[in-house]
Amino acid sequence: MPLQNRVTPFGEIVSNSARGLLMGNRGILHNDEGRLGAGRWQHPHWVACRLEFKGRRQEVMRPGAYTQLFFLDEAVALAAGHRPCALCRRAAYEAFVSAWMAAFGRARRPRAVELDWQLHRERVEAQTRRQITHQATIDDLPDGSFVTLPGKSGLPYLVLESRLLPWAPESYRPARERPARLEVTVLTPRATVAALRAGYRPELHPSAAER
């Protein structure tokens, strides 16, 4: 049975054998038997990492080590509340911070911990552990955002140019036309949407271009 370490755009961690482009880290979320506990939401530093970095190897869900999570691509990681890792994805991290500064008119470069606590407040409700969403008109959303449509709350779509791409664990599905003037539910945290609007470009799965 696949391990419970695949992250959806809703921020849920599910069992699926697909792996995708990036790995994630939220700290140690599993016990010695490989089961996830309530601590999966407590750690404020959620990052999106490369699958390979300097030849390092680690057993998946090794007892006492951080829990490796997996995303189809970076847009999914951002929707789930993660940000680029400052160590293994330094260029992406610096680009994300620069877009964050532009979005919020910051003259001083924020520390990673400042980004993390802002995202921590925006991604999950403290009591219910439900993903925090917000409403927006789809015309106003930048590429790389994830949304759900009215009447289709169970299906997340990637916003990309004139298209909406339905997400699936192993790839994006065939696109539909992006409607105009439609009120949608946005899964991606507000601060991250602002960084996307300011020019950050997430790494997308190849199927996004094929659809």
C-alpha atoms as a PDB file:
ATOM      1  CA  MET A   1       0.000   0.000   0.000  1.00  0.00           C
ATOM      2  CA  PRO A   2       1.396   3.468  -0.864  1.00  0.00           C
ATOM      3  CA  LEU A   3       2.602   5.598   2.028  1.00  0.00           C
ATOM      4  CA  GLN A   4       0.541   8.549   3.174  1.00  0.00           C
ATOM      5  CA  ASN A   5       2.877  11.262   1.896  1.00  0.00           C
ATOM      6  CA  ARG A   6       1.317  12.795  -1.223  1.00  0.00           C
ATOM      7  CA  VAL A   7      -0.002  16.375  -0.847  1.00  0.00           C
ATOM      8  CA  THR A   8      -3.046  17.688  -2.706  1.00  0.00           C
ATOM      9  CA  PRO A   9      -3.860  21.339  -3.546  1.00  0.00           C
ATOM     10  CA  PHE A  10      -6.229  21.227  -0.555  1.00  0.00           C
ATOM     11  CA  GLY A  11      -3.222  20.650   1.710  1.00  0.00           C
ATOM     12  CA  GLU A  12      -4.367  17.120   2.510  1.00  0.00           C
ATOM     13  CA  ILE A  13      -1.781  14.345   2.834  1.00  0.00           C
ATOM     14  CA  VAL A  14      -3.047  11.209   1.107  1.00  0.00           C
ATOM     15  CA  SER A  15      -1.836   7.768   0.062  1.00  0.00           C
ATOM     16  CA  ASN A  16      -0.861   7.643  -3.599  1.00  0.00           C
ATOM     17  CA  SER A  17       2.037   6.088  -5.483  1.00  0.00           C
ATOM     18  CA  ALA A  18       2.590   9.096  -7.800  1.00  0.00           C
ATOM     19  CA  ARG A  19       5.515  11.338  -6.858  1.00  0.00           C
ATOM     20  CA  GLY A  20       5.727  14.418  -9.119  1.00  0.00           C
ATOM     21  CA  LEU A  21       8.409  17.094  -9.380  1.00  0.00           C
ATOM     22  CA  LEU A  22       9.043  18.252  -5.816  1.00  0.00           C
ATOM     23  CA  MET A  23       9.417  16.976  -2.280  1.00  0.00           C
ATOM     24  CA  GLY A  24       8.140  18.791   0.791  1.00  0.00           C
ATOM     25  CA  ASN A  25       9.134  19.111   4.425  1.00  0.00           C
ATOM     26  CA  ARG A  26       6.983  20.099   7.398  1.00  0.00           C
ATOM     27  CA  GLY A  27       9.155  18.426  10.033  1.00  0.00           C
ATOM     28  CA  ILE A  28       8.574  15.009  11.627  1.00  0.00           C
ATOM     29  CA  LEU A  29       4.933  14.065  11.052  1.00  0.00           C
ATOM     30  CA  HIS A  30       5.063  10.255  11.341  1.00  0.00           C
ATOM     31  CA  ASN A  31       5.630   7.765  14.141  1.00  0.00           C
ATOM     32  CA  ASP A  32       7.858   4.680  14.134  1.00  0.00           C
ATOM     33  CA  GLU A  33       5.139   2.751  12.263  1.00  0.00           C
ATOM     34  CA  GLY A  34       4.970   5.354   9.484  1.00  0.00           C
ATOM     35  CA  ARG A  35       1.582   6.722  10.545  1.00  0.00           C
ATOM     36  CA  LEU A  36       0.846  10.437  10.550  1.00  0.00           C
ATOM     37  CA  GLY A  37      -0.347  12.157  13.704  1.00  0.00           C
ATOM     38  CA  ALA A  38      -1.911  15.484  14.668  1.00  0.00           C
ATOM     39  CA  GLY A  39       1.472  17.210  14.481  1.00  0.00           C
ATOM     40  CA  ARG A  40       1.257  17.520  10.704  1.00  0.00           C
ATOM     41  CA  TRP A  41      -0.068  21.108  11.028  1.00  0.00           C
ATOM     42  CA  GLN A  42       1.988  22.424  13.954  1.00  0.00           C
ATOM     43  CA  HIS A  43       5.373  23.094  12.360  1.00  0.00           C
ATOM     44  CA  PRO A  44       5.342  26.604  10.796  1.00  0.00           C
ATOM     45  CA  HIS A  45       8.175  26.043   8.319  1.00  0.00           C
ATOM     46  CA  TRP A  46       6.713  24.325   5.262  1.00  0.00           C
ATOM     47  CA  VAL A  47       9.093  24.137   2.312  1.00  0.00           C
ATOM     48  CA  ALA A  48       9.121  22.681  -1.210  1.00  0.00           C
ATOM     49  CA  CYS A  49      12.398  20.951  -2.080  1.00  0.00           C
ATOM     50  CA  ARG A  50      14.185  19.309  -4.975  1.00  0.00           C
ATOM     51  CA  LEU A  51      13.882  15.539  -5.278  1.00  0.00           C
ATOM     52  CA  GLU A  52      17.683  15.301  -5.412  1.00  0.00           C
ATOM     53  CA  PHE A  53      20.280  17.496  -3.714  1.00  0.00           C
ATOM     54  CA  LYS A  54      24.020  16.839  -3.597  1.00  0.00           C
ATOM     55  CA  GLY A  55      23.526  13.090  -3.731  1.00  0.00           C
ATOM     56  CA  ARG A  56      21.888  12.916  -0.320  1.00  0.00           C
ATOM     57  CA  ARG A  57      19.853   9.788   0.409  1.00  0.00           C
ATOM     58  CA  GLN A  58      17.318   9.129   3.147  1.00  0.00           C
ATOM     59  CA  GLU A  59      14.927   6.272   3.741  1.00  0.00           C
ATOM     60  CA  VAL A  60      11.338   7.455   3.277  1.00  0.00           C
ATOM     61  CA  MET A  61       9.568   7.799   6.649  1.00  0.00           C
ATOM     62  CA  ARG A  62      12.600   6.658   8.610  1.00  0.00           C
ATOM     63  CA  PRO A  63      11.826   6.789  12.360  1.00  0.00           C
ATOM     64  CA  GLY A  64      12.986  10.047  13.912  1.00  0.00           C
ATOM     65  CA  ALA A  65      13.645  11.776  10.558  1.00  0.00           C
ATOM     66  CA  TYR A  66      11.562  14.404   8.805  1.00  0.00           C
ATOM     67  CA  THR A  67       8.606  13.199   6.741  1.00  0.00           C
ATOM     68  CA  GLN A  68       9.175  13.433   2.991  1.00  0.00           C
ATOM     69  CA  LEU A  69       6.070  14.751   1.258  1.00  0.00           C
ATOM     70  CA  PHE A  70       5.535  14.852  -2.505  1.00  0.00           C
ATOM     71  CA  PHE A  71       3.772  17.268  -4.882  1.00  0.00           C
ATOM     72  CA  LEU A  72       2.827  17.043  -8.544  1.00  0.00           C
ATOM     73  CA  ASP A  73       4.571  20.408  -8.978  1.00  0.00           C
ATOM     74  CA  GLU A  74       5.271  23.725  -7.297  1.00  0.00           C
ATOM     75  CA  ALA A  75       1.832  25.220  -7.926  1.00  0.00           C
ATOM     76  CA  VAL A  76       0.371  22.403  -5.823  1.00  0.00           C
ATOM     77  CA  ALA A  77       2.981  23.001  -3.116  1.00  0.00           C
ATOM     78  CA  LEU A  78       2.153  26.715  -3.036  1.00  0.00           C
ATOM     79  CA  ALA A  79      -1.591  26.017  -2.830  1.00  0.00           C
ATOM     80  CA  ALA A  80      -0.951  23.709   0.122  1.00  0.00           C
ATOM     81  CA  GLY A  81       0.881  26.522   1.907  1.00  0.00           C
ATOM     82  CA  HIS A  82       4.534  25.685   1.204  1.00  0.00           C
ATOM     83  CA  ARG A  83       7.254  28.030  -0.092  1.00  0.00           C
ATOM     84  CA  PRO A  84      10.517  27.308  -1.978  1.00  0.00           C
ATOM     85  CA  CYS A  85      13.324  25.848   0.138  1.00  0.00           C
ATOM     86  CA  ALA A  86      16.127  28.351   0.733  1.00  0.00           C
ATOM     87  CA  LEU A  87      18.771  25.604   0.735  1.00  0.00           C
ATOM     88  CA  CYS A  88      18.185  23.239  -2.164  1.00  0.00           C
ATOM     89  CA  ARG A  89      16.126  25.654  -4.313  1.00  0.00           C
ATOM     90  CA  ARG A  90      17.961  28.872  -3.552  1.00  0.00           C
ATOM     91  CA  ALA A  91      17.283  30.617  -6.873  1.00  0.00           C
ATOM     92  CA  ALA A  92      13.552  29.895  -6.615  1.00  0.00           C
ATOM     93  CA  TYR A  93      13.541  31.053  -3.006  1.00  0.00           C
ATOM     94  CA  GLU A  94      15.248  34.348  -3.868  1.00  0.00           C
ATOM     95  CA  ALA A  95      12.810  34.920  -6.740  1.00  0.00           C
ATOM     96  CA  PHE A  96       9.890  34.207  -4.399  1.00  0.00           C
ATOM     97  CA  VAL A  97      11.201  36.664  -1.790  1.00  0.00           C
ATOM     98  CA  SER A  98      11.734  39.353  -4.435  1.00  0.00           C
ATOM     99  CA  ALA A  99       8.159  38.904  -5.677  1.00  0.00           C
ATOM    100  CA  TRP A 100       6.920  38.986  -2.063  1.00  0.00           C
ATOM    101  CA  MET A 101       8.748  42.281  -1.505  1.00  0.00           C
ATOM    102  CA  ALA A 102       7.284  43.765  -4.678  1.00  0.00           C
ATOM    103  CA  ALA A 103       3.796  42.602  -3.750  1.00  0.00           C
ATOM    104  CA  PHE A 104       3.863  44.161  -0.279  1.00  0.00           C
ATOM    105  CA  GLY A 105       6.072  47.171  -0.987  1.00  0.00           C
ATOM    106  CA  ARG A 106       8.827  45.945   1.300  1.00  0.00           C
ATOM    107  CA  ALA A 107      12.176  47.719   1.133  1.00  0.00           C
ATOM    108  CA  ARG A 108      13.874  45.288   3.525  1.00  0.00           C
ATOM    109  CA  ARG A 109      14.359  41.687   2.482  1.00  0.00           C
ATOM    110  CA  PRO A 110      12.284  39.548   4.873  1.00  0.00           C
ATOM    111  CA  ARG A 111      13.759  36.556   6.645  1.00  0.00           C
ATOM    112  CA  ALA A 112      12.426  33.093   5.831  1.00  0.00           C
ATOM    113  CA  VAL A 113      10.801  32.860   9.260  1.00  0.00           C
ATOM    114  CA  GLU A 114       8.745  35.999   8.529  1.00  0.00           C
ATOM    115  CA  LEU A 115       7.367  34.418   5.349  1.00  0.00           C
ATOM    116  CA  ASP A 116       6.667  31.200   7.216  1.00  0.00           C
ATOM    117  CA  TRP A 117       4.639  32.778   9.991  1.00  0.00           C
ATOM    118  CA  GLN A 118       2.609  34.819   7.512  1.00  0.00           C
ATOM    119  CA  LEU A 119       1.835  31.673   5.507  1.00  0.00           C
ATOM    120  CA  HIS A 120       1.131  29.757   8.720  1.00  0.00           C
ATOM    121  CA  ARG A 121      -1.626  32.241   9.583  1.00  0.00           C
ATOM    122  CA  GLU A 122      -3.123  32.020   6.107  1.00  0.00           C
ATOM    123  CA  ARG A 123      -3.140  28.320   5.235  1.00  0.00           C
ATOM    124  CA  VAL A 124      -4.910  26.401   8.036  1.00  0.00           C
ATOM    125  CA  GLU A 125      -7.521  27.308  10.662  1.00  0.00           C
ATOM    126  CA  ALA A 126      -5.985  26.788  14.091  1.00  0.00           C
ATOM    127  CA  GLN A 127      -8.939  24.969  15.666  1.00  0.00           C
ATOM    128  CA  THR A 128     -10.493  22.977  12.832  1.00  0.00           C
ATOM    129  CA  ARG A 129      -7.299  22.333  10.791  1.00  0.00           C
ATOM    130  CA  ARG A 130      -9.278  23.176   7.675  1.00  0.00           C
ATOM    131  CA  GLN A 131      -7.594  24.897   4.764  1.00  0.00           C
ATOM    132  CA  ILE A 132      -8.183  28.650   4.737  1.00  0.00           C
ATOM    133  CA  THR A 133      -9.616  29.774   1.406  1.00  0.00           C
ATOM    134  CA  HIS A 134     -10.825  33.082   0.045  1.00  0.00           C
ATOM    135  CA  GLN A 135     -13.091  34.321  -2.711  1.00  0.00           C
ATOM    136  CA  ALA A 136     -11.954  36.182  -5.819  1.00  0.00           C
ATOM    137  CA  THR A 137     -13.021  36.952  -9.350  1.00  0.00           C
ATOM    138  CA  ILE A 138     -11.172  34.577 -11.647  1.00  0.00           C
ATOM    139  CA  ASP A 139     -10.139  37.433 -13.979  1.00  0.00           C
ATOM    140  CA  ASP A 140      -8.042  38.887 -11.136  1.00  0.00           C
ATOM    141  CA  LEU A 141      -6.016  35.760 -10.400  1.00  0.00           C
ATOM    142  CA  PRO A 142      -2.431  35.226 -11.608  1.00  0.00           C
ATOM    143  CA  ASP A 143      -1.124  32.097 -13.288  1.00  0.00           C
ATOM    144  CA  GLY A 144      -0.126  29.439 -10.792  1.00  0.00           C
ATOM    145  CA  SER A 145      -3.122  29.940  -8.489  1.00  0.00           C
ATOM    146  CA  PHE A 146      -5.375  27.021  -7.574  1.00  0.00           C
ATOM    147  CA  VAL A 147      -9.151  27.398  -7.392  1.00  0.00           C
ATOM    148  CA  THR A 148     -12.355  25.470  -7.125  1.00  0.00           C
ATOM    149  CA  LEU A 149     -15.416  26.425  -9.158  1.00  0.00           C
ATOM    150  CA  PRO A 150     -18.989  26.935  -7.953  1.00  0.00           C
ATOM    151  CA  GLY A 151     -20.693  23.573  -7.579  1.00  0.00           C
ATOM    152  CA  LYS A 152     -17.375  21.694  -8.017  1.00  0.00           C
ATOM    153  CA  SER A 153     -15.698  22.146  -4.650  1.00  0.00           C
ATOM    154  CA  GLY A 154     -14.029  18.728  -4.787  1.00  0.00           C
ATOM    155  CA  LEU A 155     -12.046  19.411  -7.959  1.00  0.00           C
ATOM    156  CA  PRO A 156      -9.045  21.806  -7.859  1.00  0.00           C
ATOM    157  CA  TYR A 157      -8.064  23.685 -11.017  1.00  0.00           C
ATOM    158  CA  LEU A 158      -4.761  25.329 -11.896  1.00  0.00           C
ATOM    159  CA  VAL A 159      -5.162  28.808 -13.394  1.00  0.00           C
ATOM    160  CA  LEU A 160      -2.884  29.086 -16.436  1.00  0.00           C
ATOM    161  CA  GLU A 161      -3.345  31.796 -19.065  1.00  0.00           C
ATOM    162  CA  SER A 162      -6.717  31.261 -20.769  1.00  0.00           C
ATOM    163  CA  ARG A 163      -7.133  27.769 -19.327  1.00  0.00           C
ATOM    164  CA  LEU A 164      -8.137  25.940 -16.186  1.00  0.00           C
ATOM    165  CA  LEU A 165      -6.370  22.601 -15.700  1.00  0.00           C
ATOM    166  CA  PRO A 166      -7.984  19.968 -13.470  1.00  0.00           C
ATOM    167  CA  TRP A 167      -5.463  18.458 -11.044  1.00  0.00           C
ATOM    168  CA  ALA A 168      -4.926  14.725 -10.599  1.00  0.00           C
ATOM    169  CA  PRO A 169      -2.161  13.047  -8.545  1.00  0.00           C
ATOM    170  CA  GLU A 170      -0.154  11.891 -11.568  1.00  0.00           C
ATOM    171  CA  SER A 171      -0.763  14.785 -14.022  1.00  0.00           C
ATOM    172  CA  TYR A 172      -3.090  17.566 -15.095  1.00  0.00           C
ATOM    173  CA  ARG A 173      -6.204  16.557 -17.008  1.00  0.00           C
ATOM    174  CA  PRO A 174      -7.396  18.152 -20.278  1.00  0.00           C
ATOM    175  CA  ALA A 175      -8.018  21.849 -19.801  1.00  0.00           C
ATOM    176  CA  ARG A 176     -11.242  23.765 -19.967  1.00  0.00           C
ATOM    177  CA  GLU A 177     -11.584  27.384 -21.027  1.00  0.00           C
ATOM    178  CA  ARG A 178     -11.078  29.926 -18.289  1.00  0.00           C
ATOM    179  CA  PRO A 179     -14.439  31.639 -17.786  1.00  0.00           C
ATOM    180  CA  ALA A 180     -14.771  35.391 -17.362  1.00  0.00           C
ATOM    181  CA  ARG A 181     -16.210  37.287 -14.403  1.00  0.00           C
ATOM    182  CA  LEU A 182     -16.707  34.160 -12.308  1.00  0.00           C
ATOM    183  CA  GLU A 183     -16.447  34.193  -8.522  1.00  0.00           C
ATOM    184  CA  VAL A 184     -14.250  31.283  -7.419  1.00  0.00           C
ATOM    185  CA  THR A 185     -12.797  29.852  -4.227  1.00  0.00           C
ATOM    186  CA  VAL A 186      -9.021  30.333  -4.092  1.00  0.00           C
ATOM    187  CA  LEU A 187      -6.967  27.610  -2.406  1.00  0.00           C
ATOM    188  CA  THR A 188      -3.578  29.325  -2.673  1.00  0.00           C
ATOM    189  CA  PRO A 189      -2.862  31.560   0.368  1.00  0.00           C
ATOM    190  CA  ARG A 190      -3.429  35.274  -0.170  1.00  0.00           C
ATOM    191  CA  ALA A 191       0.233  36.216   0.334  1.00  0.00           C
ATOM    192  CA  THR A 192       1.362  33.630  -2.198  1.00  0.00           C
ATOM    193  CA  VAL A 193      -1.233  34.844  -4.712  1.00  0.00           C
ATOM    194  CA  ALA A 194       0.209  38.320  -4.243  1.00  0.00           C
ATOM    195  CA  ALA A 195       3.727  36.995  -4.945  1.00  0.00           C
ATOM    196  CA  LEU A 196       2.449  35.221  -8.065  1.00  0.00           C
ATOM    197  CA  ARG A 197       0.779  38.426  -9.208  1.00  0.00           C
ATOM    198  CA  ALA A 198       4.060  40.262  -8.642  1.00  0.00           C
ATOM    199  CA  GLY A 199       5.877  37.927 -11.003  1.00  0.00           C
ATOM    200  CA  TYR A 200       6.859  34.693  -9.283  1.00  0.00           C
ATOM    201  CA  ARG A 201       6.662  31.758 -11.700  1.00  0.00           C
ATOM    202  CA  PRO A 202       6.278  28.316 -10.124  1.00  0.00           C
ATOM    203  CA  GLU A 203       7.761  25.169 -11.632  1.00  0.00           C
ATOM    204  CA  LEU A 204       4.908  23.336 -13.366  1.00  0.00           C
ATOM    205  CA  HIS A 205       4.473  19.692 -14.308  1.00  0.00           C
ATOM    206  CA  PRO A 206       5.075  19.008 -18.051  1.00  0.00           C
ATOM    207  CA  SER A 207       1.449  17.961 -18.464  1.00  0.00           C
ATOM    208  CA  ALA A 208       0.433  21.610 -17.866  1.00  0.00           C
ATOM    209  CA  ALA A 209       1.989  22.526 -21.210  1.00  0.00           C
ATOM    210  CA  GLU A 210       0.568  19.490 -22.970  1.00  0.00           C
ATOM    211  CA  ARG A 211      -3.046  20.237 -22.074  1.00  0.00           C
END
